[in-house]
Protein backbone atom coordinates (compact mmCIF):
# COMPACT_ATOMS: atom_id res chain seq x y z
CA MET A 1 -20.97 -3.30 -1.77
CA MET A 2 -18.60 -0.35 -1.29
CA VAL A 3 -21.34 2.14 -2.17
CA GLU A 4 -23.53 0.68 0.59
CA THR A 5 -20.64 0.77 3.05
CA PHE A 6 -19.77 4.40 2.35
CA GLU A 7 -23.45 5.39 2.54
CA ARG A 8 -23.75 3.59 5.89
CA PHE A 9 -20.75 5.54 7.14
CA GLY A 10 -22.46 8.75 6.02
CA TYR A 11 -19.89 9.54 3.32
CA SER A 12 -20.76 10.68 -0.19
CA ILE A 13 -20.08 8.66 -3.31
CA TRP A 14 -17.48 11.17 -4.59
CA PHE A 15 -15.51 10.50 -1.39
CA MET A 16 -15.54 6.78 -2.21
CA TYR A 17 -14.00 7.51 -5.61
CA PHE A 18 -11.46 9.87 -4.02
CA ILE A 19 -10.39 7.21 -1.52
CA GLY A 20 -10.13 4.61 -4.29
CA ALA A 21 -7.95 6.92 -6.39
CA ALA A 22 -5.80 7.73 -3.33
CA GLU A 23 -5.33 4.03 -2.61
CA ILE A 24 -4.27 3.38 -6.21
CA ALA A 25 -1.88 6.34 -6.10
CA GLY A 26 -0.46 5.03 -2.82
CA ALA A 27 0.08 1.56 -4.26
CA LEU A 28 1.82 3.03 -7.31
CA GLY A 29 3.89 5.27 -5.06
CA ILE A 30 5.10 2.26 -3.13
CA ALA A 31 5.64 0.04 -6.18
CA VAL A 32 7.38 2.42 -8.58
CA GLY A 33 7.72 5.72 -6.75
CA GLY A 34 11.26 4.99 -5.67
CA TYR A 35 12.39 5.19 -9.29
CA LEU A 36 11.08 8.75 -9.53
CA ASN A 37 12.00 10.09 -6.12
CA LYS A 38 13.30 8.25 -3.06
CA MET A 39 10.83 10.11 -0.78
CA LEU A 40 7.77 9.03 -2.77
CA PRO A 41 7.37 5.54 -1.25
CA LYS A 42 7.52 7.00 2.26
CA LEU A 43 4.91 9.62 1.43
CA ALA A 44 2.73 6.93 -0.15
CA VAL A 45 2.92 4.81 3.00
CA ILE A 46 2.03 7.79 5.18
CA GLY A 47 -0.96 8.57 2.95
CA LEU A 48 -2.15 4.96 3.05
CA ASN A 49 -1.73 4.92 6.84
CA ILE A 50 -4.05 7.92 7.10
CA ILE A 51 -6.63 6.16 4.93
CA MET A 52 -6.39 2.94 6.98
CA VAL A 53 -6.78 4.78 10.29
CA GLY A 54 -9.83 6.48 8.80
CA ALA A 55 -11.23 3.13 7.70
CA PHE A 56 -10.64 1.65 11.16
CA VAL A 57 -12.38 4.55 12.91
CA SER A 58 -15.24 4.57 10.39
CA HIS A 59 -15.96 0.89 11.03
CA LEU A 60 -15.86 1.39 14.78
CA MET A 61 -18.18 4.40 14.66
CA ALA A 62 -20.63 2.53 12.40
CA ASP A 63 -20.93 -0.18 15.08
CA ASP A 64 -19.58 -2.79 12.69
CA PRO A 65 -18.24 -5.96 14.28
CA PHE A 66 -14.58 -5.69 15.20
CA THR A 67 -13.77 -8.26 12.50
CA ALA A 68 -14.68 -5.63 9.89
CA THR A 69 -11.66 -3.59 11.02
CA ILE A 70 -9.17 -6.42 10.42
CA PRO A 71 -8.36 -5.57 6.76
CA ALA A 72 -7.57 -1.96 7.71
CA LEU A 73 -5.43 -3.09 10.65
CA VAL A 74 -3.52 -5.62 8.53
CA ASN A 75 -2.86 -3.00 5.84
CA LEU A 76 -1.76 -0.54 8.50
CA ALA A 77 0.63 -3.07 10.02
CA LEU A 78 2.11 -4.10 6.67
CA SER A 79 2.59 -0.55 5.46
CA ASN A 80 4.31 0.38 8.73
CA LEU A 81 6.56 -2.65 8.43
CA TYR A 82 7.46 -1.53 4.91
CA LEU A 83 8.16 2.00 6.17
CA HIS A 84 10.39 0.56 8.91
CA LEU A 85 12.28 -1.52 6.35
CA LEU A 86 12.74 1.54 4.12
CA ARG A 87 14.19 3.53 7.00
CA LYS A 88 16.43 0.64 8.03
CA LYS A 89 17.70 0.31 4.45
CA GLU A 90 18.63 4.01 4.39
CA LYS A 91 20.71 3.70 7.54
CA VAL A 92 22.86 0.93 6.05
């Protein structure tokens, strides 16, 4: 299903694998990155935000129904909430 989606967007298959690897790296950066470096979770969230904005725009440009953008928007909102909570925790 993802191969068809990326082809419909006009992206190559290698880009699909790159995005998948970047998403996994972002998830690991959020989950365990703080043990390695306190900046890593923030950088992971920023990277995932870039991917989610790209997903949102790709769906819109492919004339997908707006409901297809909901997963990207939910991920974007949750990652920004997490980033806000990280920043708030630092101020305390």
